[in-house]
Amino acid sequence: MSRAAILDALRDDTPLSALVPEGNIIANPQGDGRPGDLQKDNFIVLRWMEQDWDSRFRKGPRNLEVWAHTPKEISDSYNEIDSILLRVTKVIDALELIDGADGWRITMAYPGGGWSGDLVDPAYNTIMKNALFKVLSNPIE
């Protein structure tokens, strides 16, 4: 599913790390409330979704939601969240034929639509937005 290649690309991107510390990019968190190490900085949550199956090709891209969060204690402005999602879009859109440490190769990745509106997450006590991406991948053989 190419989880590792996406996560590594985002964590290794220098311009993105100026907005979101490397350790604050997490995949599929569990539990209620904001994880303890994400209390003071912006963070990104990756949520892998369903696959868009095309029976003609017996495959299709998997949907990936990227959620950018800013703790309300830091700011109530969505400007930095917009900058985060813009950089995430550039990073993901550039991924093509990238092998991940999890044994999956990204064939291509691209935006799957526009960004969400300005949202609030009461469980995390953050302001947030999300963007959808389509990721086509195959096991490395």
Protein backbone atom coordinates (compact mmCIF):
# COMPACT_ATOMS: atom_id res chain seq x y z
CA MET A 1 0.00 0.00 0.00
CA SER A 2 3.09 2.23 -0.01
CA ARG A 3 2.55 3.63 3.47
CA ALA A 4 6.30 3.76 4.17
CA ALA A 5 7.21 5.66 0.99
CA ILE A 6 4.60 8.37 1.67
CA LEU A 7 5.50 8.69 5.34
CA ASP A 8 9.25 8.82 4.63
CA ALA A 9 8.84 11.38 1.83
CA LEU A 10 6.84 13.70 4.09
CA ARG A 11 9.15 13.27 7.08
CA ASP A 12 12.27 13.84 4.94
CA ASP A 13 11.03 17.02 3.24
CA THR A 14 12.99 20.00 4.60
CA PRO A 15 10.45 22.75 3.76
CA LEU A 16 7.67 20.69 5.37
CA SER A 17 9.74 20.06 8.50
CA ALA A 18 9.94 23.84 8.99
CA LEU A 19 6.14 23.77 9.39
CA VAL A 20 5.64 20.37 11.04
CA PRO A 21 8.32 18.65 13.13
CA GLU A 22 9.34 15.28 11.64
CA GLY A 23 7.92 13.24 14.52
CA ASN A 24 4.57 15.00 14.21
CA ILE A 25 3.57 13.20 11.03
CA ILE A 26 1.64 10.14 12.14
CA ALA A 27 -0.38 7.44 10.41
CA ASN A 28 -3.73 6.12 11.63
CA PRO A 29 -3.55 7.19 15.29
CA GLN A 30 -5.57 5.26 17.84
CA GLY A 31 -7.40 6.49 20.90
CA ASP A 32 -9.20 9.65 21.89
CA GLY A 33 -7.57 13.03 22.20
CA ARG A 34 -4.31 14.41 20.91
CA PRO A 35 -1.26 12.23 21.53
CA GLY A 36 0.95 13.69 24.27
CA ASP A 37 3.92 14.51 22.03
CA LEU A 38 1.73 16.62 19.72
CA GLN A 39 0.72 19.16 22.35
CA LYS A 40 2.82 22.14 21.27
CA ASP A 41 3.27 21.99 17.49
CA ASN A 42 1.43 21.55 14.22
CA PHE A 43 0.92 17.95 13.20
CA ILE A 44 -0.27 15.84 10.29
CA VAL A 45 -2.40 12.70 10.45
CA LEU A 46 -2.40 10.29 7.50
CA ARG A 47 -5.52 8.19 7.15
CA TRP A 48 -5.56 5.44 4.55
CA MET A 49 -9.03 4.89 3.11
CA GLU A 50 -10.76 2.60 0.63
CA GLN A 51 -9.43 1.64 -2.77
CA ASP A 52 -11.08 2.90 -5.98
CA TRP A 53 -11.37 -0.44 -7.74
CA ASP A 54 -11.44 -0.56 -11.55
CA SER A 55 -12.52 -4.03 -12.68
CA ARG A 56 -11.04 -3.51 -16.16
CA PHE A 57 -7.53 -3.31 -14.69
CA ARG A 58 -8.13 -5.31 -11.49
CA LYS A 59 -6.64 -2.51 -9.47
CA GLY A 60 -7.05 1.14 -8.67
CA PRO A 61 -5.65 3.86 -6.46
CA ARG A 62 -6.08 3.87 -2.69
CA ASN A 63 -7.45 7.05 -1.16
CA LEU A 64 -5.29 8.85 1.37
CA GLU A 65 -6.65 11.63 3.57
CA VAL A 66 -4.06 14.02 4.94
CA TRP A 67 -5.24 16.03 7.94
CA ALA A 68 -3.24 19.12 8.95
CA HIS A 69 -3.81 20.26 12.56
CA THR A 70 -2.80 23.32 14.58
CA PRO A 71 -3.45 23.26 18.33
CA LYS A 72 -5.80 26.06 19.36
CA GLU A 73 -3.24 27.01 22.01
CA ILE A 74 -0.90 28.04 19.18
CA SER A 75 -3.18 29.77 16.68
CA ASP A 76 -6.68 30.13 15.31
CA SER A 77 -5.45 31.11 11.82
CA TYR A 78 -5.73 28.67 8.93
CA ASN A 79 -2.87 30.30 6.99
CA GLU A 80 -0.23 27.91 8.29
CA ILE A 81 -2.48 24.91 7.69
CA ASP A 82 -2.88 26.07 4.08
CA SER A 83 0.93 26.26 3.79
CA ILE A 84 1.25 22.74 5.22
CA LEU A 85 -1.27 21.27 2.77
CA LEU A 86 0.33 23.11 -0.14
CA ARG A 87 3.71 21.57 0.70
CA VAL A 88 2.19 18.11 1.28
CA THR A 89 0.55 18.36 -2.14
CA LYS A 90 3.88 19.18 -3.80
CA VAL A 91 5.64 16.29 -2.05
CA ILE A 92 2.99 13.66 -2.79
CA ASP A 93 2.42 14.82 -6.37
CA ALA A 94 6.14 14.33 -7.10
CA LEU A 95 6.17 10.67 -5.99
CA GLU A 96 6.49 8.28 -8.90
CA LEU A 97 8.18 4.88 -9.01
CA ILE A 98 9.33 5.16 -5.39
CA ASP A 99 10.06 2.01 -3.38
CA GLY A 100 9.04 1.95 0.26
CA ALA A 101 10.65 0.08 3.13
CA ASP A 102 7.39 -1.84 3.57
CA GLY A 103 7.81 -3.69 0.24
CA TRP A 104 5.46 -1.51 -1.81
CA ARG A 105 6.29 0.72 -4.80
CA ILE A 106 4.36 3.90 -5.54
CA THR A 107 3.52 3.89 -9.23
CA MET A 108 2.00 7.34 -9.02
CA ALA A 109 0.30 9.66 -6.54
CA TYR A 110 -1.86 12.70 -7.26
CA PRO A 111 -4.41 15.02 -5.64
CA GLY A 112 -7.87 13.49 -5.47
CA GLY A 113 -9.81 16.73 -5.21
CA GLY A 114 -9.81 20.03 -3.41
CA TRP A 115 -9.10 20.73 0.23
CA SER A 116 -11.79 20.67 2.89
CA GLY A 117 -13.19 23.80 4.44
CA ASP A 118 -11.88 25.23 7.69
CA LEU A 119 -12.74 22.72 10.43
CA VAL A 120 -12.36 22.31 14.19
CA ASP A 121 -11.52 19.02 15.91
CA PRO A 122 -12.94 19.10 19.45
CA ALA A 123 -11.26 15.79 20.44
CA TYR A 124 -7.79 17.10 19.52
CA ASN A 125 -8.66 20.72 20.40
CA THR A 126 -7.26 21.87 17.07
CA ILE A 127 -8.18 23.75 13.95
CA MET A 128 -7.71 21.59 10.85
CA LYS A 129 -8.22 20.92 7.17
CA ASN A 130 -7.79 17.84 5.04
CA ALA A 131 -6.81 17.00 1.50
CA LEU A 132 -7.47 13.81 -0.46
CA PHE A 133 -4.86 12.01 -2.55
CA LYS A 134 -4.98 8.96 -4.83
CA VAL A 135 -2.06 6.56 -4.52
CA LEU A 136 -1.49 3.77 -7.02
CA SER A 137 1.00 1.18 -5.79
CA ASN A 138 2.16 -2.40 -6.27
CA PRO A 139 4.13 -4.90 -4.20
CA ILE A 140 7.82 -4.85 -5.07
CA GLU A 141 8.68 -8.13 -6.79
